[in-house]
Amino acid sequence: MKTVGSYEAKTHLPKLLEEVERGSEITITRHGKAIARLVPVTERVNDRRLKETVERLKKFRHGRRLGQTTIKELIEEGRE
């Protein structure tokens, strides 16, 4: 990931936006501290993040219990 200072970002914004459009992510800093991030807006990124989140949730719920009841049992009870 590329990092640029805020002055450089302001001065070269069109060039940076072209890079982001091609898929790059750019962090903008002020006095060495990250303050913003330019990222492409694409459905693929959102789809990938959604799939990753669902997979993490599936792994998280596996084997978890609430007292003597499993999460799956609670889900089934809610469907009745």
PDB file of N, CA and C in Angstrom:
ATOM      1  N   MET A   1       0.855  -1.168   0.000  1.00  0.00           N
ATOM      2  CA  MET A   1       0.000   0.000   0.000  1.00  0.00           C
ATOM      3  C   MET A   1       0.903   1.234   0.000  1.00  0.00           C
ATOM      4  N   LYS A   2       0.583   2.158  -0.841  1.00  0.00           N
ATOM      5  CA  LYS A   2       1.345   3.389  -0.986  1.00  0.00           C
ATOM      6  C   LYS A   2       0.916   4.395   0.082  1.00  0.00           C
ATOM      7  N   THR A   3       1.867   5.190   0.561  1.00  0.00           N
ATOM      8  CA  THR A   3       1.587   6.226   1.546  1.00  0.00           C
ATOM      9  C   THR A   3       2.069   7.565   1.002  1.00  0.00           C
ATOM     10  N   VAL A   4       1.232   8.588   1.097  1.00  0.00           N
ATOM     11  CA  VAL A   4       1.609   9.938   0.653  1.00  0.00           C
ATOM     12  C   VAL A   4       1.190  10.948   1.714  1.00  0.00           C
ATOM     13  N   GLY A   5       1.929  12.040   1.778  1.00  0.00           N
ATOM     14  CA  GLY A   5       1.573  13.116   2.688  1.00  0.00           C
ATOM     15  C   GLY A   5       0.381  13.891   2.163  1.00  0.00           C
ATOM     16  N   SER A   6      -0.275  14.639   3.034  1.00  0.00           N
ATOM     17  CA  SER A   6      -1.487  15.366   2.647  1.00  0.00           C
ATOM     18  C   SER A   6      -1.202  16.421   1.573  1.00  0.00           C
ATOM     19  N   TYR A   7      -0.059  17.089   1.651  1.00  0.00           N
ATOM     20  CA  TYR A   7       0.270  18.099   0.632  1.00  0.00           C
ATOM     21  C   TYR A   7       0.442  17.431  -0.729  1.00  0.00           C
ATOM     22  N   GLU A   8       1.170  16.315  -0.754  1.00  0.00           N
ATOM     23  CA  GLU A   8       1.360  15.594  -2.009  1.00  0.00           C
ATOM     24  C   GLU A   8       0.023  15.085  -2.549  1.00  0.00           C
ATOM     25  N   ALA A   9      -0.847  14.610  -1.658  1.00  0.00           N
ATOM     26  CA  ALA A   9      -2.157  14.119  -2.086  1.00  0.00           C
ATOM     27  C   ALA A   9      -2.959  15.235  -2.736  1.00  0.00           C
ATOM     28  N   LYS A  10      -2.927  16.410  -2.122  1.00  0.00           N
ATOM     29  CA  LYS A  10      -3.656  17.554  -2.678  1.00  0.00           C
ATOM     30  C   LYS A  10      -3.088  17.944  -4.041  1.00  0.00           C
ATOM     31  N   THR A  11      -1.773  17.951  -4.135  1.00  0.00           N
ATOM     32  CA  THR A  11      -1.106  18.376  -5.361  1.00  0.00           C
ATOM     33  C   THR A  11      -1.290  17.375  -6.499  1.00  0.00           C
ATOM     34  N   HIS A  12      -1.301  16.089  -6.178  1.00  0.00           N
ATOM     35  CA  HIS A  12      -1.336  15.042  -7.212  1.00  0.00           C
ATOM     36  C   HIS A  12      -2.606  14.204  -7.179  1.00  0.00           C
ATOM     37  N   LEU A  13      -3.700  14.766  -6.712  1.00  0.00           N
ATOM     38  CA  LEU A  13      -4.939  13.993  -6.559  1.00  0.00           C
ATOM     39  C   LEU A  13      -5.379  13.287  -7.840  1.00  0.00           C
ATOM     40  N   PRO A  14      -5.390  13.946  -9.002  1.00  0.00           N
ATOM     41  CA  PRO A  14      -5.829  13.217 -10.204  1.00  0.00           C
ATOM     42  C   PRO A  14      -4.996  11.958 -10.489  1.00  0.00           C
ATOM     43  N   LYS A  15      -3.680  12.059 -10.312  1.00  0.00           N
ATOM     44  CA  LYS A  15      -2.807  10.906 -10.536  1.00  0.00           C
ATOM     45  C   LYS A  15      -3.097   9.805  -9.508  1.00  0.00           C
ATOM     46  N   LEU A  16      -3.293  10.192  -8.262  1.00  0.00           N
ATOM     47  CA  LEU A  16      -3.592   9.208  -7.221  1.00  0.00           C
ATOM     48  C   LEU A  16      -4.924   8.516  -7.481  1.00  0.00           C
ATOM     49  N   LEU A  17      -5.916   9.271  -7.938  1.00  0.00           N
ATOM     50  CA  LEU A  17      -7.219   8.676  -8.242  1.00  0.00           C
ATOM     51  C   LEU A  17      -7.122   7.670  -9.390  1.00  0.00           C
ATOM     52  N   GLU A  18      -6.256   7.942 -10.359  1.00  0.00           N
ATOM     53  CA  GLU A  18      -6.046   6.973 -11.441  1.00  0.00           C
ATOM     54  C   GLU A  18      -5.459   5.676 -10.894  1.00  0.00           C
ATOM     55  N   GLU A  19      -4.519   5.797  -9.960  1.00  0.00           N
ATOM     56  CA  GLU A  19      -3.932   4.603  -9.349  1.00  0.00           C
ATOM     57  C   GLU A  19      -4.989   3.813  -8.582  1.00  0.00           C
ATOM     58  N   VAL A  20      -5.821   4.512  -7.844  1.00  0.00           N
ATOM     59  CA  VAL A  20      -6.876   3.855  -7.075  1.00  0.00           C
ATOM     60  C   VAL A  20      -7.867   3.185  -8.012  1.00  0.00           C
ATOM     61  N   GLU A  21      -8.183   3.839  -9.108  1.00  0.00           N
ATOM     62  CA  GLU A  21      -9.107   3.268 -10.083  1.00  0.00           C
ATOM     63  C   GLU A  21      -8.579   1.948 -10.633  1.00  0.00           C
ATOM     64  N   ARG A  22      -7.253   1.817 -10.704  1.00  0.00           N
ATOM     65  CA  ARG A  22      -6.631   0.582 -11.188  1.00  0.00           C
ATOM     66  C   ARG A  22      -6.496  -0.466 -10.080  1.00  0.00           C
ATOM     67  N   GLY A  23      -6.958  -0.135  -8.860  1.00  0.00           N
ATOM     68  CA  GLY A  23      -6.965  -1.126  -7.803  1.00  0.00           C
ATOM     69  C   GLY A  23      -6.035  -0.852  -6.634  1.00  0.00           C
ATOM     70  N   SER A  24      -5.224   0.182  -6.697  1.00  0.00           N
ATOM     71  CA  SER A  24      -4.307   0.492  -5.596  1.00  0.00           C
ATOM     72  C   SER A  24      -5.052   1.067  -4.398  1.00  0.00           C
ATOM     73  N   GLU A  25      -4.449   0.914  -3.236  1.00  0.00           N
ATOM     74  CA  GLU A  25      -4.940   1.570  -2.024  1.00  0.00           C
ATOM     75  C   GLU A  25      -3.848   2.525  -1.565  1.00  0.00           C
ATOM     76  N   ILE A  26      -4.238   3.732  -1.195  1.00  0.00           N
ATOM     77  CA  ILE A  26      -3.276   4.762  -0.828  1.00  0.00           C
ATOM     78  C   ILE A  26      -3.657   5.349   0.525  1.00  0.00           C
ATOM     79  N   THR A  27      -2.684   5.388   1.431  1.00  0.00           N
ATOM     80  CA  THR A  27      -2.897   5.994   2.742  1.00  0.00           C
ATOM     81  C   THR A  27      -2.370   7.426   2.701  1.00  0.00           C
ATOM     82  N   ILE A  28      -3.159   8.358   3.203  1.00  0.00           N
ATOM     83  CA  ILE A  28      -2.754   9.764   3.263  1.00  0.00           C
ATOM     84  C   ILE A  28      -2.383  10.076   4.708  1.00  0.00           C
ATOM     85  N   THR A  29      -1.224  10.714   4.872  1.00  0.00           N
ATOM     86  CA  THR A  29      -0.738  11.024   6.212  1.00  0.00           C
ATOM     87  C   THR A  29      -0.604  12.529   6.406  1.00  0.00           C
ATOM     88  N   ARG A  30      -0.639  12.923   7.669  1.00  0.00           N
ATOM     89  CA  ARG A  30      -0.336  14.306   8.044  1.00  0.00           C
ATOM     90  C   ARG A  30       0.645  14.214   9.206  1.00  0.00           C
ATOM     91  N   HIS A  31       1.813  14.791   9.022  1.00  0.00           N
ATOM     92  CA  HIS A  31       2.874  14.733  10.033  1.00  0.00           C
ATOM     93  C   HIS A  31       3.196  13.291  10.419  1.00  0.00           C
ATOM     94  N   GLY A  32       3.176  12.407   9.414  1.00  0.00           N
ATOM     95  CA  GLY A  32       3.529  11.014   9.639  1.00  0.00           C
ATOM     96  C   GLY A  32       2.432  10.141  10.216  1.00  0.00           C
ATOM     97  N   LYS A  33       1.274  10.702  10.495  1.00  0.00           N
ATOM     98  CA  LYS A  33       0.161   9.941  11.075  1.00  0.00           C
ATOM     99  C   LYS A  33      -0.903   9.705  10.000  1.00  0.00           C
ATOM    100  N   ALA A  34      -1.337   8.459   9.848  1.00  0.00           N
ATOM    101  CA  ALA A  34      -2.358   8.124   8.852  1.00  0.00           C
ATOM    102  C   ALA A  34      -3.671   8.805   9.218  1.00  0.00           C
ATOM    103  N   ILE A  35      -4.254   9.516   8.236  1.00  0.00           N
ATOM    104  CA  ILE A  35      -5.523  10.215   8.494  1.00  0.00           C
ATOM    105  C   ILE A  35      -6.636   9.786   7.548  1.00  0.00           C
ATOM    106  N   ALA A  36      -6.275   9.188   6.411  1.00  0.00           N
ATOM    107  CA  ALA A  36      -7.305   8.781   5.446  1.00  0.00           C
ATOM    108  C   ALA A  36      -6.731   7.691   4.554  1.00  0.00           C
ATOM    109  N   ARG A  37      -7.650   7.002   3.872  1.00  0.00           N
ATOM    110  CA  ARG A  37      -7.231   5.974   2.930  1.00  0.00           C
ATOM    111  C   ARG A  37      -8.094   6.072   1.681  1.00  0.00           C
ATOM    112  N   LEU A  38      -7.450   6.089   0.536  1.00  0.00           N
ATOM    113  CA  LEU A  38      -8.163   6.056  -0.748  1.00  0.00           C
ATOM    114  C   LEU A  38      -8.215   4.605  -1.201  1.00  0.00           C
ATOM    115  N   VAL A  39      -9.416   4.101  -1.424  1.00  0.00           N
ATOM    116  CA  VAL A  39      -9.586   2.716  -1.865  1.00  0.00           C
ATOM    117  C   VAL A  39     -10.572   2.691  -3.026  1.00  0.00           C
ATOM    118  N   PRO A  40     -10.419   1.733  -3.924  1.00  0.00           N
ATOM    119  CA  PRO A  40     -11.357   1.648  -5.041  1.00  0.00           C
ATOM    120  C   PRO A  40     -12.745   1.219  -4.574  1.00  0.00           C
ATOM    121  N   VAL A  41     -13.748   1.726  -5.238  1.00  0.00           N
ATOM    122  CA  VAL A  41     -15.126   1.327  -4.952  1.00  0.00           C
ATOM    123  C   VAL A  41     -15.494   0.286  -5.995  1.00  0.00           C
ATOM    124  N   THR A  42     -15.531  -0.969  -5.558  1.00  0.00           N
ATOM    125  CA  THR A  42     -15.888  -2.050  -6.476  1.00  0.00           C
ATOM    126  C   THR A  42     -16.758  -3.043  -5.742  1.00  0.00           C
ATOM    127  N   GLU A  43     -17.595  -3.707  -6.458  1.00  0.00           N
ATOM    128  CA  GLU A  43     -18.448  -4.734  -5.874  1.00  0.00           C
ATOM    129  C   GLU A  43     -17.610  -5.939  -5.469  1.00  0.00           C
ATOM    130  N   ARG A  44     -16.542  -6.235  -6.210  1.00  0.00           N
ATOM    131  CA  ARG A  44     -15.720  -7.396  -5.896  1.00  0.00           C
ATOM    132  C   ARG A  44     -15.129  -7.292  -4.499  1.00  0.00           C
ATOM    133  N   VAL A  45     -14.645  -6.108  -4.128  1.00  0.00           N
ATOM    134  CA  VAL A  45     -14.075  -5.942  -2.794  1.00  0.00           C
ATOM    135  C   VAL A  45     -15.144  -6.199  -1.751  1.00  0.00           C
ATOM    136  N   ASN A  46     -16.333  -5.655  -1.943  1.00  0.00           N
ATOM    137  CA  ASN A  46     -17.418  -5.845  -0.989  1.00  0.00           C
ATOM    138  C   ASN A  46     -17.830  -7.314  -0.927  1.00  0.00           C
ATOM    139  N   ASP A  47     -17.928  -7.976  -2.073  1.00  0.00           N
ATOM    140  CA  ASP A  47     -18.289  -9.391  -2.092  1.00  0.00           C
ATOM    141  C   ASP A  47     -17.256 -10.221  -1.338  1.00  0.00           C
ATOM    142  N   ARG A  48     -15.993  -9.920  -1.549  1.00  0.00           N
ATOM    143  CA  ARG A  48     -14.930 -10.675  -0.893  1.00  0.00           C
ATOM    144  C   ARG A  48     -14.997 -10.475   0.617  1.00  0.00           C
ATOM    145  N   ARG A  49     -15.187  -9.242   1.043  1.00  0.00           N
ATOM    146  CA  ARG A  49     -15.275  -8.967   2.473  1.00  0.00           C
ATOM    147  C   ARG A  49     -16.495  -9.638   3.084  1.00  0.00           C
ATOM    148  N   LEU A  50     -17.606  -9.645   2.370  1.00  0.00           N
ATOM    149  CA  LEU A  50     -18.811 -10.298   2.860  1.00  0.00           C
ATOM    150  C   LEU A  50     -18.572 -11.790   3.039  1.00  0.00           C
ATOM    151  N   LYS A  51     -17.960 -12.417   2.046  1.00  0.00           N
ATOM    152  CA  LYS A  51     -17.682 -13.852   2.133  1.00  0.00           C
ATOM    153  C   LYS A  51     -16.730 -14.158   3.284  1.00  0.00           C
ATOM    154  N   GLU A  52     -15.701 -13.327   3.459  1.00  0.00           N
ATOM    155  CA  GLU A  52     -14.762 -13.530   4.563  1.00  0.00           C
ATOM    156  C   GLU A  52     -15.474 -13.396   5.911  1.00  0.00           C
ATOM    157  N   THR A  53     -16.354 -12.419   6.028  1.00  0.00           N
ATOM    158  CA  THR A  53     -17.083 -12.212   7.278  1.00  0.00           C
ATOM    159  C   THR A  53     -17.987 -13.395   7.579  1.00  0.00           C
ATOM    160  N   VAL A  54     -18.694 -13.880   6.576  1.00  0.00           N
ATOM    161  CA  VAL A  54     -19.581 -15.038   6.779  1.00  0.00           C
ATOM    162  C   VAL A  54     -18.772 -16.246   7.217  1.00  0.00           C
ATOM    163  N   GLU A  55     -17.634 -16.475   6.597  1.00  0.00           N
ATOM    164  CA  GLU A  55     -16.802 -17.613   6.973  1.00  0.00           C
ATOM    165  C   GLU A  55     -16.291 -17.484   8.406  1.00  0.00           C
ATOM    166  N   ARG A  56     -15.884 -16.279   8.809  1.00  0.00           N
ATOM    167  CA  ARG A  56     -15.428 -16.070  10.188  1.00  0.00           C
ATOM    168  C   ARG A  56     -16.560 -16.314  11.178  1.00  0.00           C
ATOM    169  N   LEU A  57     -17.772 -15.879  10.830  1.00  0.00           N
ATOM    170  CA  LEU A  57     -18.920 -16.113  11.714  1.00  0.00           C
ATOM    171  C   LEU A  57     -19.242 -17.597  11.830  1.00  0.00           C
ATOM    172  N   LYS A  58     -19.142 -18.315  10.724  1.00  0.00           N
ATOM    173  CA  LYS A  58     -19.399 -19.757  10.759  1.00  0.00           C
ATOM    174  C   LYS A  58     -18.394 -20.456  11.667  1.00  0.00           C
ATOM    175  N   LYS A  59     -17.122 -20.074  11.552  1.00  0.00           N
ATOM    176  CA  LYS A  59     -16.100 -20.680  12.408  1.00  0.00           C
ATOM    177  C   LYS A  59     -16.322 -20.298  13.866  1.00  0.00           C
ATOM    178  N   PHE A  60     -16.723 -19.070  14.110  1.00  0.00           N
ATOM    179  CA  PHE A  60     -16.942 -18.590  15.469  1.00  0.00           C
ATOM    180  C   PHE A  60     -18.062 -19.345  16.160  1.00  0.00           C
ATOM    181  N   ARG A  61     -19.157 -19.587  15.447  1.00  0.00           N
ATOM    182  CA  ARG A  61     -20.316 -20.200  16.098  1.00  0.00           C
ATOM    183  C   ARG A  61     -20.148 -21.691  16.325  1.00  0.00           C
ATOM    184  N   HIS A  62     -19.223 -22.322  15.634  1.00  0.00           N
ATOM    185  CA  HIS A  62     -19.043 -23.765  15.733  1.00  0.00           C
ATOM    186  C   HIS A  62     -18.691 -24.164  17.165  1.00  0.00           C
ATOM    187  N   GLY A  63     -19.550 -24.976  17.763  1.00  0.00           N
ATOM    188  CA  GLY A  63     -19.298 -25.506  19.091  1.00  0.00           C
ATOM    189  C   GLY A  63     -19.620 -24.559  20.237  1.00  0.00           C
ATOM    190  N   ARG A  64     -20.106 -23.363  19.942  1.00  0.00           N
ATOM    191  CA  ARG A  64     -20.417 -22.417  21.009  1.00  0.00           C
ATOM    192  C   ARG A  64     -21.773 -22.769  21.610  1.00  0.00           C
ATOM    193  N   ARG A  65     -21.900 -22.531  22.909  1.00  0.00           N
ATOM    194  CA  ARG A  65     -23.138 -22.815  23.614  1.00  0.00           C
ATOM    195  C   ARG A  65     -23.535 -21.607  24.443  1.00  0.00           C
ATOM    196  N   LEU A  66     -24.809 -21.484  24.678  1.00  0.00           N
ATOM    197  CA  LEU A  66     -25.344 -20.473  25.580  1.00  0.00           C
ATOM    198  C   LEU A  66     -25.979 -21.252  26.721  1.00  0.00           C
ATOM    199  N   GLY A  67     -25.215 -21.452  27.774  1.00  0.00           N
ATOM    200  CA  GLY A  67     -25.666 -22.348  28.840  1.00  0.00           C
ATOM    201  C   GLY A  67     -25.636 -23.773  28.317  1.00  0.00           C
ATOM    202  N   GLN A  68     -26.788 -24.451  28.348  1.00  0.00           N
ATOM    203  CA  GLN A  68     -26.883 -25.816  27.845  1.00  0.00           C
ATOM    204  C   GLN A  68     -27.411 -25.867  26.414  1.00  0.00           C
ATOM    205  N   THR A  69     -27.676 -24.699  25.821  1.00  0.00           N
ATOM    206  CA  THR A  69     -28.286 -24.630  24.503  1.00  0.00           C
ATOM    207  C   THR A  69     -27.260 -24.204  23.465  1.00  0.00           C
ATOM    208  N   THR A  70     -27.271 -24.877  22.312  1.00  0.00           N
ATOM    209  CA  THR A  70     -26.375 -24.473  21.228  1.00  0.00           C
ATOM    210  C   THR A  70     -27.012 -23.336  20.441  1.00  0.00           C
ATOM    211  N   ILE A  71     -26.181 -22.624  19.719  1.00  0.00           N
ATOM    212  CA  ILE A  71     -26.690 -21.547  18.874  1.00  0.00           C
ATOM    213  C   ILE A  71     -27.631 -22.116  17.820  1.00  0.00           C
ATOM    214  N   LYS A  72     -27.306 -23.283  17.285  1.00  0.00           N
ATOM    215  CA  LYS A  72     -28.171 -23.898  16.276  1.00  0.00           C
ATOM    216  C   LYS A  72     -29.551 -24.183  16.845  1.00  0.00           C
ATOM    217  N   GLU A  73     -29.626 -24.652  18.088  1.00  0.00           N
ATOM    218  CA  GLU A  73     -30.915 -24.910  18.721  1.00  0.00           C
ATOM    219  C   GLU A  73     -31.719 -23.626  18.882  1.00  0.00           C
ATOM    220  N   LEU A  74     -31.026 -22.530  19.216  1.00  0.00           N
ATOM    221  CA  LEU A  74     -31.722 -21.237  19.338  1.00  0.00           C
ATOM    222  C   LEU A  74     -32.287 -20.767  17.986  1.00  0.00           C
ATOM    223  N   ILE A  75     -31.503 -20.985  16.949  1.00  0.00           N
ATOM    224  CA  ILE A  75     -31.955 -20.598  15.604  1.00  0.00           C
ATOM    225  C   ILE A  75     -33.196 -21.401  15.228  1.00  0.00           C
ATOM    226  N   GLU A  76     -33.135 -22.721  15.452  1.00  0.00           N
ATOM    227  CA  GLU A  76     -34.276 -23.572  15.133  1.00  0.00           C
ATOM    228  C   GLU A  76     -35.501 -23.189  15.946  1.00  0.00           C
ATOM    229  N   GLU A  77     -35.304 -22.847  17.202  1.00  0.00           N
ATOM    230  CA  GLU A  77     -36.433 -22.431  18.048  1.00  0.00           C
ATOM    231  C   GLU A  77     -37.049 -21.148  17.524  1.00  0.00           C
ATOM    232  N   GLY A  78     -36.245 -20.253  17.023  1.00  0.00           N
ATOM    233  CA  GLY A  78     -36.754 -18.993  16.470  1.00  0.00           C
ATOM    234  C   GLY A  78     -37.549 -19.189  15.193  1.00  0.00           C
ATOM    235  N   ARG A  79     -37.326 -20.284  14.495  1.00  0.00           N
ATOM    236  CA  ARG A  79     -38.027 -20.553  13.252  1.00  0.00           C
ATOM    237  C   ARG A  79     -39.418 -21.147  13.493  1.00  0.00           C
ATOM    238  N   GLU A  80     -39.685 -21.615  14.689  1.00  0.00           N
ATOM    239  CA  GLU A  80     -40.972 -22.262  14.983  1.00  0.00           C
ATOM    240  C   GLU A  80     -42.088 -21.261  15.107  1.00  0.00           C
TER     241      GLU A  80
END
